[in-house]
N, C-alpha and C. Protein backbone atom coordinates (compact mmCIF):
# COMPACT_ATOMS: atom_id res chain seq x y z
N UNK A 1 5.15 -5.11 -16.85
CA UNK A 1 5.52 -4.12 -15.85
C UNK A 1 6.89 -4.49 -15.31
N UNK A 2 7.75 -3.52 -15.25
CA UNK A 2 9.08 -3.77 -14.73
C UNK A 2 9.07 -3.97 -13.22
N UNK A 3 10.08 -4.65 -12.72
CA UNK A 3 10.19 -4.85 -11.27
C UNK A 3 10.60 -3.53 -10.64
N UNK A 4 9.77 -3.03 -9.78
CA UNK A 4 10.04 -1.77 -9.12
C UNK A 4 10.64 -2.01 -7.75
N UNK A 5 11.45 -1.08 -7.32
CA UNK A 5 12.00 -1.14 -5.98
C UNK A 5 11.03 -0.40 -5.06
N UNK A 6 10.22 -1.15 -4.35
CA UNK A 6 9.22 -0.57 -3.47
C UNK A 6 9.74 -0.65 -2.04
N UNK A 7 10.05 0.50 -1.47
CA UNK A 7 10.65 0.52 -0.13
C UNK A 7 9.76 1.16 0.91
N UNK A 8 8.84 2.00 0.49
CA UNK A 8 7.99 2.69 1.46
C UNK A 8 6.62 2.99 0.86
N UNK A 9 5.77 3.58 1.67
CA UNK A 9 4.40 3.84 1.25
C UNK A 9 4.35 4.77 0.04
N UNK A 10 5.24 5.74 0.00
CA UNK A 10 5.29 6.66 -1.13
C UNK A 10 5.52 5.90 -2.44
N UNK A 11 6.41 4.91 -2.42
CA UNK A 11 6.67 4.11 -3.62
C UNK A 11 5.42 3.37 -4.08
N UNK A 12 4.65 2.84 -3.13
CA UNK A 12 3.40 2.14 -3.48
C UNK A 12 2.39 3.15 -4.04
N UNK A 13 2.34 4.34 -3.47
CA UNK A 13 1.45 5.38 -3.99
C UNK A 13 1.82 5.72 -5.43
N UNK A 14 3.11 5.79 -5.71
CA UNK A 14 3.56 6.10 -7.07
C UNK A 14 3.22 4.97 -8.04
N UNK A 15 3.30 3.74 -7.58
CA UNK A 15 2.89 2.59 -8.40
C UNK A 15 1.42 2.73 -8.78
N UNK A 16 0.58 2.99 -7.78
CA UNK A 16 -0.85 3.12 -8.04
C UNK A 16 -1.13 4.31 -8.96
N UNK A 17 -0.39 5.38 -8.76
CA UNK A 17 -0.57 6.59 -9.57
C UNK A 17 -0.31 6.30 -11.06
N UNK A 18 0.64 5.40 -11.33
CA UNK A 18 0.94 5.02 -12.73
C UNK A 18 -0.29 4.44 -13.43
N UNK A 19 -1.21 3.90 -12.64
CA UNK A 19 -2.43 3.30 -13.19
C UNK A 19 -3.64 4.20 -12.97
N UNK A 20 -3.40 5.45 -12.57
CA UNK A 20 -4.49 6.40 -12.41
C UNK A 20 -5.27 6.25 -11.11
N UNK A 21 -4.67 5.60 -10.12
CA UNK A 21 -5.35 5.39 -8.85
C UNK A 21 -4.75 6.28 -7.78
N UNK A 22 -5.58 7.15 -7.24
CA UNK A 22 -5.18 8.04 -6.15
C UNK A 22 -6.02 7.69 -4.94
N UNK A 23 -5.37 7.51 -3.80
CA UNK A 23 -6.08 7.09 -2.58
C UNK A 23 -5.89 8.15 -1.51
N UNK A 24 -6.99 8.70 -1.03
CA UNK A 24 -6.95 9.60 0.13
C UNK A 24 -8.32 9.58 0.79
N UNK A 25 -8.42 8.83 1.86
CA UNK A 25 -9.69 8.71 2.58
C UNK A 25 -9.72 9.59 3.83
N UNK A 26 -8.57 10.14 4.20
CA UNK A 26 -8.53 11.03 5.35
C UNK A 26 -7.93 10.40 6.59
N UNK A 27 -7.84 9.09 6.62
CA UNK A 27 -7.20 8.39 7.73
C UNK A 27 -6.16 7.46 7.13
N UNK A 28 -4.93 7.58 7.60
CA UNK A 28 -3.82 6.83 7.00
C UNK A 28 -4.06 5.32 7.00
N UNK A 29 -4.60 4.79 8.08
CA UNK A 29 -4.86 3.35 8.16
C UNK A 29 -5.82 2.91 7.06
N UNK A 30 -6.86 3.69 6.84
CA UNK A 30 -7.83 3.36 5.79
C UNK A 30 -7.18 3.46 4.41
N UNK A 31 -6.32 4.47 4.23
CA UNK A 31 -5.62 4.61 2.96
C UNK A 31 -4.79 3.37 2.66
N UNK A 32 -4.08 2.88 3.67
CA UNK A 32 -3.22 1.70 3.49
C UNK A 32 -4.07 0.48 3.13
N UNK A 33 -5.21 0.32 3.79
CA UNK A 33 -6.08 -0.82 3.51
C UNK A 33 -6.64 -0.76 2.09
N UNK A 34 -7.04 0.43 1.65
CA UNK A 34 -7.56 0.57 0.29
C UNK A 34 -6.45 0.36 -0.74
N UNK A 35 -5.25 0.85 -0.44
CA UNK A 35 -4.12 0.63 -1.35
C UNK A 35 -3.85 -0.86 -1.52
N UNK A 36 -3.96 -1.62 -0.45
CA UNK A 36 -3.76 -3.06 -0.51
C UNK A 36 -4.78 -3.71 -1.45
N UNK A 37 -6.02 -3.28 -1.34
CA UNK A 37 -7.07 -3.80 -2.22
C UNK A 37 -6.77 -3.45 -3.67
N UNK A 38 -6.36 -2.21 -3.91
CA UNK A 38 -6.07 -1.76 -5.28
C UNK A 38 -4.87 -2.51 -5.87
N UNK A 39 -3.84 -2.73 -5.07
CA UNK A 39 -2.67 -3.47 -5.55
C UNK A 39 -3.07 -4.90 -5.90
N UNK A 40 -3.91 -5.51 -5.07
CA UNK A 40 -4.39 -6.87 -5.35
C UNK A 40 -5.18 -6.90 -6.66
N UNK A 41 -6.00 -5.89 -6.89
CA UNK A 41 -6.77 -5.82 -8.14
C UNK A 41 -5.85 -5.69 -9.35
N UNK A 42 -4.80 -4.89 -9.22
CA UNK A 42 -3.83 -4.77 -10.32
C UNK A 42 -3.19 -6.12 -10.62
N UNK A 43 -2.82 -6.84 -9.57
CA UNK A 43 -2.19 -8.15 -9.76
C UNK A 43 -3.18 -9.16 -10.36
N UNK A 44 -4.39 -9.19 -9.83
CA UNK A 44 -5.40 -10.13 -10.33
C UNK A 44 -5.74 -9.88 -11.80
N UNK A 45 -5.60 -8.63 -12.24
CA UNK A 45 -5.86 -8.29 -13.63
C UNK A 45 -4.59 -8.30 -14.48
N UNK A 46 -3.52 -8.89 -13.91
CA UNK A 46 -2.24 -9.08 -14.60
C UNK A 46 -1.63 -7.77 -15.09
N UNK A 47 -1.83 -6.71 -14.32
CA UNK A 47 -1.25 -5.41 -14.68
C UNK A 47 0.10 -5.19 -14.00
N UNK A 48 0.37 -5.95 -12.93
CA UNK A 48 1.68 -5.94 -12.29
C UNK A 48 2.12 -7.39 -12.10
N UNK A 49 3.43 -7.58 -12.05
CA UNK A 49 3.94 -8.95 -11.89
C UNK A 49 3.92 -9.37 -10.42
N UNK A 50 4.19 -10.65 -10.20
CA UNK A 50 4.10 -11.21 -8.85
C UNK A 50 5.10 -10.57 -7.89
N UNK A 51 6.31 -10.32 -8.36
CA UNK A 51 7.34 -9.72 -7.49
C UNK A 51 6.92 -8.32 -7.04
N UNK A 52 6.39 -7.54 -7.95
CA UNK A 52 5.93 -6.19 -7.60
C UNK A 52 4.77 -6.27 -6.62
N UNK A 53 3.85 -7.21 -6.86
CA UNK A 53 2.71 -7.40 -5.96
C UNK A 53 3.18 -7.75 -4.55
N UNK A 54 4.08 -8.72 -4.45
CA UNK A 54 4.56 -9.16 -3.14
C UNK A 54 5.29 -8.02 -2.42
N UNK A 55 6.16 -7.32 -3.14
CA UNK A 55 6.89 -6.21 -2.52
C UNK A 55 5.94 -5.11 -2.04
N UNK A 56 4.94 -4.79 -2.84
CA UNK A 56 3.97 -3.77 -2.44
C UNK A 56 3.19 -4.22 -1.21
N UNK A 57 2.78 -5.47 -1.18
CA UNK A 57 2.02 -5.98 -0.03
C UNK A 57 2.88 -5.98 1.24
N UNK A 58 4.16 -6.31 1.12
CA UNK A 58 5.05 -6.29 2.28
C UNK A 58 5.18 -4.88 2.84
N UNK A 59 5.34 -3.91 1.96
CA UNK A 59 5.42 -2.51 2.41
C UNK A 59 4.12 -2.11 3.09
N UNK A 60 2.99 -2.46 2.48
CA UNK A 60 1.70 -2.07 3.04
C UNK A 60 1.44 -2.73 4.39
N UNK A 61 1.80 -4.00 4.52
CA UNK A 61 1.61 -4.68 5.81
C UNK A 61 2.47 -4.05 6.90
N UNK A 62 3.70 -3.71 6.55
CA UNK A 62 4.60 -3.07 7.50
C UNK A 62 4.05 -1.71 7.93
N UNK A 63 3.60 -0.92 6.97
CA UNK A 63 3.04 0.40 7.28
C UNK A 63 1.76 0.27 8.10
N UNK A 64 0.97 -0.75 7.80
CA UNK A 64 -0.28 -0.97 8.54
C UNK A 64 0.03 -1.27 10.00
N UNK A 65 1.02 -2.14 10.24
CA UNK A 65 1.41 -2.47 11.61
C UNK A 65 1.90 -1.23 12.36
N UNK A 66 2.72 -0.42 11.70
CA UNK A 66 3.22 0.81 12.33
C UNK A 66 2.06 1.74 12.71
N UNK A 67 1.12 1.87 11.81
CA UNK A 67 -0.01 2.76 12.04
C UNK A 67 -0.90 2.24 13.16
N UNK A 68 -1.13 0.93 13.20
CA UNK A 68 -1.92 0.35 14.29
C UNK A 68 -1.23 0.57 15.63
N UNK A 69 0.08 0.40 15.67
CA UNK A 69 0.84 0.60 16.89
C UNK A 69 0.75 2.06 17.34
N UNK A 70 0.86 2.97 16.39
CA UNK A 70 0.76 4.40 16.69
C UNK A 70 -0.62 4.75 17.24
N UNK A 71 -1.67 4.21 16.61
CA UNK A 71 -3.04 4.45 17.08
C UNK A 71 -3.24 3.90 18.49
N UNK A 72 -2.68 2.73 18.74
CA UNK A 72 -2.82 2.10 20.06
C UNK A 72 -2.14 2.96 21.13
N UNK A 73 -0.96 3.48 20.82
CA UNK A 73 -0.25 4.34 21.78
C UNK A 73 -1.02 5.62 22.06
N UNK A 74 -1.63 6.19 21.02
CA UNK A 74 -2.41 7.42 21.20
C UNK A 74 -3.63 7.19 22.07
N UNK A 75 -4.25 6.04 21.94
CA UNK A 75 -5.44 5.73 22.74
C UNK A 75 -5.09 5.49 24.21
N UNK A 76 -3.86 5.01 24.46
CA UNK A 76 -3.44 4.73 25.83
C UNK A 76 -3.08 6.00 26.60
N UNK A 77 -2.91 7.10 25.91
CA UNK A 77 -2.54 8.36 26.58
C UNK A 77 -3.70 8.98 27.28
């Protein structure tokens, strides 16, 4: 697998799509968590390289933090 430039959640979705994995659970936070599991499975099965795995996980962690912050702000209103 070539090293992909993963910059945002859409890029990670496209990576998963290349392997036939589509994630839509209805809540963005849950989608991000499932995508993280799926990316880890791809790496553990040697379908993506370490650099791609790390970049995807960094994007997912960043998006997860943003979503948690957004949810927290909505609950405080």
